[in-house]
């Protein structure tokens, strides 16, 4: 979960009154994880490890 202060509207400047919802944060996090080749928990996928030349490491990970 993101820090609660992230969801408080800003009070001045170009982003005055702008607020980010918890749903938006979760959507952005999920998109980022997909973009970098991670699973929903933020761990590298087997495919990403292979891409990085670390396929051997995947054999020892119990979450894959």
PDB file of N, CA and C in Angstrom:
ATOM      1  N   UNK A   1       0.845  -1.190   0.000  1.00  0.00           N
ATOM      2  CA  UNK A   1       0.000   0.000   0.000  1.00  0.00           C
ATOM      3  C   UNK A   1       0.882   1.242   0.000  1.00  0.00           C
ATOM      4  N   UNK A   2       0.456   2.220  -0.733  1.00  0.00           N
ATOM      5  CA  UNK A   2       1.189   3.478  -0.829  1.00  0.00           C
ATOM      6  C   UNK A   2       0.980   4.308   0.436  1.00  0.00           C
ATOM      7  N   UNK A   3       1.895   5.228   0.724  1.00  0.00           N
ATOM      8  CA  UNK A   3       1.729   6.105   1.888  1.00  0.00           C
ATOM      9  C   UNK A   3       0.427   6.903   1.777  1.00  0.00           C
ATOM     10  N   UNK A   4      -0.265   7.053   2.888  1.00  0.00           N
ATOM     11  CA  UNK A   4      -1.555   7.753   2.893  1.00  0.00           C
ATOM     12  C   UNK A   4      -1.457   9.184   2.404  1.00  0.00           C
ATOM     13  N   UNK A   5      -0.316   9.850   2.653  1.00  0.00           N
ATOM     14  CA  UNK A   5      -0.197  11.245   2.223  1.00  0.00           C
ATOM     15  C   UNK A   5      -0.245  11.387   0.704  1.00  0.00           C
ATOM     16  N   UNK A   6      -0.024  10.301  -0.004  1.00  0.00           N
ATOM     17  CA  UNK A   6      -0.115  10.327  -1.465  1.00  0.00           C
ATOM     18  C   UNK A   6      -1.538  10.628  -1.927  1.00  0.00           C
ATOM     19  N   UNK A   7      -2.516  10.299  -1.094  1.00  0.00           N
ATOM     20  CA  UNK A   7      -3.921  10.438  -1.484  1.00  0.00           C
ATOM     21  C   UNK A   7      -4.561  11.739  -0.993  1.00  0.00           C
ATOM     22  N   UNK A   8      -3.757  12.632  -0.421  1.00  0.00           N
ATOM     23  CA  UNK A   8      -4.255  13.918   0.055  1.00  0.00           C
ATOM     24  C   UNK A   8      -4.074  14.940  -1.070  1.00  0.00           C
ATOM     25  N   UNK A   9      -5.142  15.683  -1.412  1.00  0.00           N
ATOM     26  CA  UNK A   9      -5.015  16.683  -2.480  1.00  0.00           C
ATOM     27  C   UNK A   9      -3.929  17.717  -2.160  1.00  0.00           C
ATOM     28  N   UNK A  10      -3.188  18.100  -3.184  1.00  0.00           N
ATOM     29  CA  UNK A  10      -2.163  19.112  -3.014  1.00  0.00           C
ATOM     30  C   UNK A  10      -2.817  20.478  -2.868  1.00  0.00           C
ATOM     31  N   UNK A  11      -2.142  21.376  -2.174  1.00  0.00           N
ATOM     32  CA  UNK A  11      -2.760  22.650  -1.850  1.00  0.00           C
ATOM     33  C   UNK A  11      -2.291  23.848  -2.647  1.00  0.00           C
ATOM     34  N   UNK A  12      -1.292  23.695  -3.483  1.00  0.00           N
ATOM     35  CA  UNK A  12      -0.827  24.861  -4.236  1.00  0.00           C
ATOM     36  C   UNK A  12      -0.068  24.408  -5.477  1.00  0.00           C
ATOM     37  N   UNK A  13       0.195  25.367  -6.315  1.00  0.00           N
ATOM     38  CA  UNK A  13       0.959  25.087  -7.519  1.00  0.00           C
ATOM     39  C   UNK A  13       0.099  24.570  -8.666  1.00  0.00           C
ATOM     40  N   UNK A  14       0.768  24.075  -9.670  1.00  0.00           N
ATOM     41  CA  UNK A  14       0.093  23.618 -10.882  1.00  0.00           C
ATOM     42  C   UNK A  14      -0.808  22.417 -10.624  1.00  0.00           C
ATOM     43  N   UNK A  15      -0.550  21.690  -9.548  1.00  0.00           N
ATOM     44  CA  UNK A  15      -1.353  20.505  -9.237  1.00  0.00           C
ATOM     45  C   UNK A  15      -2.300  20.747  -8.065  1.00  0.00           C
ATOM     46  N   UNK A  16      -2.644  22.001  -7.829  1.00  0.00           N
ATOM     47  CA  UNK A  16      -3.549  22.362  -6.738  1.00  0.00           C
ATOM     48  C   UNK A  16      -4.851  21.565  -6.842  1.00  0.00           C
ATOM     49  N   UNK A  17      -5.184  20.836  -5.778  1.00  0.00           N
ATOM     50  CA  UNK A  17      -6.417  20.080  -5.734  1.00  0.00           C
ATOM     51  C   UNK A  17      -6.364  18.705  -6.391  1.00  0.00           C
ATOM     52  N   UNK A  18      -5.275  18.393  -7.045  1.00  0.00           N
ATOM     53  CA  UNK A  18      -5.154  17.102  -7.716  1.00  0.00           C
ATOM     54  C   UNK A  18      -4.968  16.013  -6.659  1.00  0.00           C
ATOM     55  N   UNK A  19      -5.659  14.916  -6.840  1.00  0.00           N
ATOM     56  CA  UNK A  19      -5.535  13.794  -5.922  1.00  0.00           C
ATOM     57  C   UNK A  19      -5.398  12.508  -6.729  1.00  0.00           C
ATOM     58  N   UNK A  20      -4.630  11.587  -6.198  1.00  0.00           N
ATOM     59  CA  UNK A  20      -4.457  10.277  -6.810  1.00  0.00           C
ATOM     60  C   UNK A  20      -5.233   9.281  -5.960  1.00  0.00           C
ATOM     61  N   UNK A  21      -6.016   8.434  -6.610  1.00  0.00           N
ATOM     62  CA  UNK A  21      -6.803   7.447  -5.867  1.00  0.00           C
ATOM     63  C   UNK A  21      -5.977   6.172  -5.665  1.00  0.00           C
ATOM     64  N   UNK A  22      -6.313   5.404  -4.646  1.00  0.00           N
ATOM     65  CA  UNK A  22      -5.619   4.123  -4.457  1.00  0.00           C
ATOM     66  C   UNK A  22      -5.744   3.214  -5.685  1.00  0.00           C
ATOM     67  N   UNK A  23      -6.870   3.271  -6.357  1.00  0.00           N
ATOM     68  CA  UNK A  23      -7.061   2.467  -7.566  1.00  0.00           C
ATOM     69  C   UNK A  23      -6.086   2.876  -8.659  1.00  0.00           C
ATOM     70  N   UNK A  24      -5.862   4.175  -8.813  1.00  0.00           N
ATOM     71  CA  UNK A  24      -4.919   4.656  -9.824  1.00  0.00           C
ATOM     72  C   UNK A  24      -3.500   4.199  -9.512  1.00  0.00           C
ATOM     73  N   UNK A  25      -3.144   4.221  -8.243  1.00  0.00           N
ATOM     74  CA  UNK A  25      -1.813   3.770  -7.835  1.00  0.00           C
ATOM     75  C   UNK A  25      -1.656   2.279  -8.144  1.00  0.00           C
ATOM     76  N   UNK A  26      -2.644   1.484  -7.819  1.00  0.00           N
ATOM     77  CA  UNK A  26      -2.578   0.044  -8.076  1.00  0.00           C
ATOM     78  C   UNK A  26      -2.515  -0.253  -9.570  1.00  0.00           C
ATOM     79  N   UNK A  27      -3.279   0.492 -10.382  1.00  0.00           N
ATOM     80  CA  UNK A  27      -3.239   0.314 -11.832  1.00  0.00           C
ATOM     81  C   UNK A  27      -1.868   0.664 -12.386  1.00  0.00           C
ATOM     82  N   UNK A  28      -1.297   1.770 -11.904  1.00  0.00           N
ATOM     83  CA  UNK A  28       0.027   2.196 -12.361  1.00  0.00           C
ATOM     84  C   UNK A  28       1.090   1.176 -11.951  1.00  0.00           C
ATOM     85  N   UNK A  29       0.986   0.666 -10.742  1.00  0.00           N
ATOM     86  CA  UNK A  29       1.940  -0.337 -10.267  1.00  0.00           C
ATOM     87  C   UNK A  29       1.846  -1.614 -11.100  1.00  0.00           C
ATOM     88  N   UNK A  30       0.637  -2.060 -11.383  1.00  0.00           N
ATOM     89  CA  UNK A  30       0.450  -3.268 -12.194  1.00  0.00           C
ATOM     90  C   UNK A  30       1.019  -3.073 -13.599  1.00  0.00           C
ATOM     91  N   UNK A  31       0.785  -1.905 -14.185  1.00  0.00           N
ATOM     92  CA  UNK A  31       1.324  -1.609 -15.517  1.00  0.00           C
ATOM     93  C   UNK A  31       2.847  -1.618 -15.486  1.00  0.00           C
ATOM     94  N   UNK A  32       3.427  -0.990 -14.488  1.00  0.00           N
ATOM     95  CA  UNK A  32       4.886  -0.966 -14.361  1.00  0.00           C
ATOM     96  C   UNK A  32       5.442  -2.382 -14.234  1.00  0.00           C
ATOM     97  N   UNK A  33       4.831  -3.189 -13.394  1.00  0.00           N
ATOM     98  CA  UNK A  33       5.285  -4.566 -13.212  1.00  0.00           C
ATOM     99  C   UNK A  33       5.248  -5.325 -14.538  1.00  0.00           C
ATOM    100  N   UNK A  34       4.178  -5.163 -15.313  1.00  0.00           N
ATOM    101  CA  UNK A  34       4.095  -5.836 -16.612  1.00  0.00           C
ATOM    102  C   UNK A  34       5.194  -5.333 -17.556  1.00  0.00           C
ATOM    103  N   UNK A  35       5.438  -4.026 -17.540  1.00  0.00           N
ATOM    104  CA  UNK A  35       6.429  -3.427 -18.434  1.00  0.00           C
ATOM    105  C   UNK A  35       7.843  -3.929 -18.153  1.00  0.00           C
ATOM    106  N   UNK A  36       8.158  -4.171 -16.894  1.00  0.00           N
ATOM    107  CA  UNK A  36       9.515  -4.598 -16.560  1.00  0.00           C
ATOM    108  C   UNK A  36       9.673  -6.103 -16.466  1.00  0.00           C
ATOM    109  N   UNK A  37       8.583  -6.855 -16.676  1.00  0.00           N
ATOM    110  CA  UNK A  37       8.673  -8.306 -16.671  1.00  0.00           C
ATOM    111  C   UNK A  37       8.600  -8.923 -15.291  1.00  0.00           C
ATOM    112  N   UNK A  38       7.811  -8.321 -14.422  1.00  0.00           N
ATOM    113  CA  UNK A  38       7.624  -8.845 -13.067  1.00  0.00           C
ATOM    114  C   UNK A  38       6.228  -9.422 -12.926  1.00  0.00           C
ATOM    115  N   UNK A  39       6.040 -10.278 -11.917  1.00  0.00           N
ATOM    116  CA  UNK A  39       4.699 -10.806 -11.651  1.00  0.00           C
ATOM    117  C   UNK A  39       3.916  -9.813 -10.788  1.00  0.00           C
ATOM    118  N   UNK A  40       2.708 -10.195 -10.381  1.00  0.00           N
ATOM    119  CA  UNK A  40       1.824  -9.296  -9.621  1.00  0.00           C
ATOM    120  C   UNK A  40       2.378  -8.936  -8.245  1.00  0.00           C
ATOM    121  N   UNK A  41       3.333  -9.731  -7.766  1.00  0.00           N
ATOM    122  CA  UNK A  41       3.936  -9.483  -6.457  1.00  0.00           C
ATOM    123  C   UNK A  41       5.209  -8.639  -6.563  1.00  0.00           C
ATOM    124  N   UNK A  42       5.597  -8.277  -7.784  1.00  0.00           N
ATOM    125  CA  UNK A  42       6.794  -7.467  -7.966  1.00  0.00           C
ATOM    126  C   UNK A  42       8.077  -8.282  -8.041  1.00  0.00           C
ATOM    127  N   UNK A  43       7.954  -9.546  -8.443  1.00  0.00           N
ATOM    128  CA  UNK A  43       9.120 -10.413  -8.574  1.00  0.00           C
ATOM    129  C   UNK A  43       9.366 -10.698 -10.051  1.00  0.00           C
ATOM    130  N   UNK A  44      10.622 -10.832 -10.459  1.00  0.00           N
ATOM    131  CA  UNK A  44      10.891 -11.091 -11.874  1.00  0.00           C
ATOM    132  C   UNK A  44      10.305 -12.431 -12.315  1.00  0.00           C
ATOM    133  N   UNK A  45       9.762 -12.448 -13.519  1.00  0.00           N
ATOM    134  CA  UNK A  45       9.214 -13.679 -14.079  1.00  0.00           C
ATOM    135  C   UNK A  45      10.362 -14.548 -14.596  1.00  0.00           C
ATOM    136  N   UNK A  46      10.044 -15.811 -14.851  1.00  0.00           N
ATOM    137  CA  UNK A  46      11.040 -16.724 -15.424  1.00  0.00           C
ATOM    138  C   UNK A  46      11.554 -16.161 -16.757  1.00  0.00           C
ATOM    139  N   UNK A  47      10.631 -15.653 -17.581  1.00  0.00           N
ATOM    140  CA  UNK A  47      11.023 -15.101 -18.885  1.00  0.00           C
ATOM    141  C   UNK A  47      11.990 -13.931 -18.721  1.00  0.00           C
ATOM    142  N   UNK A  48      11.763 -13.093 -17.738  1.00  0.00           N
ATOM    143  CA  UNK A  48      12.645 -11.945 -17.518  1.00  0.00           C
ATOM    144  C   UNK A  48      14.022 -12.406 -17.063  1.00  0.00           C
ATOM    145  N   UNK A  49      14.061 -13.402 -16.182  1.00  0.00           N
ATOM    146  CA  UNK A  49      15.348 -13.926 -15.727  1.00  0.00           C
ATOM    147  C   UNK A  49      16.130 -14.519 -16.885  1.00  0.00           C
ATOM    148  N   UNK A  50      15.444 -15.244 -17.765  1.00  0.00           N
ATOM    149  CA  UNK A  50      16.105 -15.819 -18.942  1.00  0.00           C
ATOM    150  C   UNK A  50      16.622 -14.700 -19.840  1.00  0.00           C
ATOM    151  N   UNK A  51      15.787 -13.682 -20.050  1.00  0.00           N
ATOM    152  CA  UNK A  51      16.188 -12.534 -20.881  1.00  0.00           C
ATOM    153  C   UNK A  51      17.453 -11.873 -20.342  1.00  0.00           C
ATOM    154  N   UNK A  52      17.597 -11.833 -19.046  1.00  0.00           N
ATOM    155  CA  UNK A  52      18.754 -11.200 -18.413  1.00  0.00           C
ATOM    156  C   UNK A  52      19.944 -12.151 -18.291  1.00  0.00           C
ATOM    157  N   UNK A  53      19.803 -13.361 -18.822  1.00  0.00           N
ATOM    158  CA  UNK A  53      20.875 -14.335 -18.725  1.00  0.00           C
ATOM    159  C   UNK A  53      20.956 -14.993 -17.357  1.00  0.00           C
ATOM    160  N   UNK A  54      19.855 -14.963 -16.622  1.00  0.00           N
ATOM    161  CA  UNK A  54      19.815 -15.532 -15.276  1.00  0.00           C
ATOM    162  C   UNK A  54      18.831 -16.694 -15.181  1.00  0.00           C
ATOM    163  N   UNK A  55      18.622 -17.384 -16.288  1.00  0.00           N
ATOM    164  CA  UNK A  55      17.685 -18.495 -16.292  1.00  0.00           C
ATOM    165  C   UNK A  55      18.013 -19.550 -15.257  1.00  0.00           C
ATOM    166  N   UNK A  56      19.285 -19.750 -15.001  1.00  0.00           N
ATOM    167  CA  UNK A  56      19.709 -20.730 -13.993  1.00  0.00           C
ATOM    168  C   UNK A  56      19.174 -20.385 -12.621  1.00  0.00           C
ATOM    169  N   UNK A  57      18.996 -19.109 -12.348  1.00  0.00           N
ATOM    170  CA  UNK A  57      18.501 -18.665 -11.054  1.00  0.00           C
ATOM    171  C   UNK A  57      17.035 -19.058 -10.850  1.00  0.00           C
ATOM    172  N   UNK A  58      16.283 -19.100 -11.939  1.00  0.00           N
ATOM    173  CA  UNK A  58      14.863 -19.431 -11.857  1.00  0.00           C
ATOM    174  C   UNK A  58      14.632 -20.826 -11.287  1.00  0.00           C
ATOM    175  N   UNK A  59      15.576 -21.719 -11.503  1.00  0.00           N
ATOM    176  CA  UNK A  59      15.417 -23.095 -11.010  1.00  0.00           C
ATOM    177  C   UNK A  59      15.364 -23.148  -9.493  1.00  0.00           C
ATOM    178  N   UNK A  60      16.002 -22.201  -8.831  1.00  0.00           N
ATOM    179  CA  UNK A  60      16.040 -22.220  -7.366  1.00  0.00           C
ATOM    180  C   UNK A  60      14.957 -21.411  -6.690  1.00  0.00           C
ATOM    181  N   UNK A  61      14.103 -20.757  -7.464  1.00  0.00           N
ATOM    182  CA  UNK A  61      13.060 -19.919  -6.876  1.00  0.00           C
ATOM    183  C   UNK A  61      11.757 -20.683  -6.788  1.00  0.00           C
ATOM    184  N   UNK A  62      11.162 -20.694  -5.609  1.00  0.00           N
ATOM    185  CA  UNK A  62       9.944 -21.487  -5.410  1.00  0.00           C
ATOM    186  C   UNK A  62       8.682 -20.803  -5.910  1.00  0.00           C
ATOM    187  N   UNK A  63       8.720 -19.534  -6.239  1.00  0.00           N
ATOM    188  CA  UNK A  63       7.508 -18.852  -6.694  1.00  0.00           C
ATOM    189  C   UNK A  63       7.272 -18.998  -8.185  1.00  0.00           C
ATOM    190  N   UNK A  64       8.233 -19.501  -8.911  1.00  0.00           N
ATOM    191  CA  UNK A  64       8.070 -19.647 -10.356  1.00  0.00           C
ATOM    192  C   UNK A  64       7.445 -20.964 -10.718  1.00  0.00           C
TER     193      UNK A  64
END
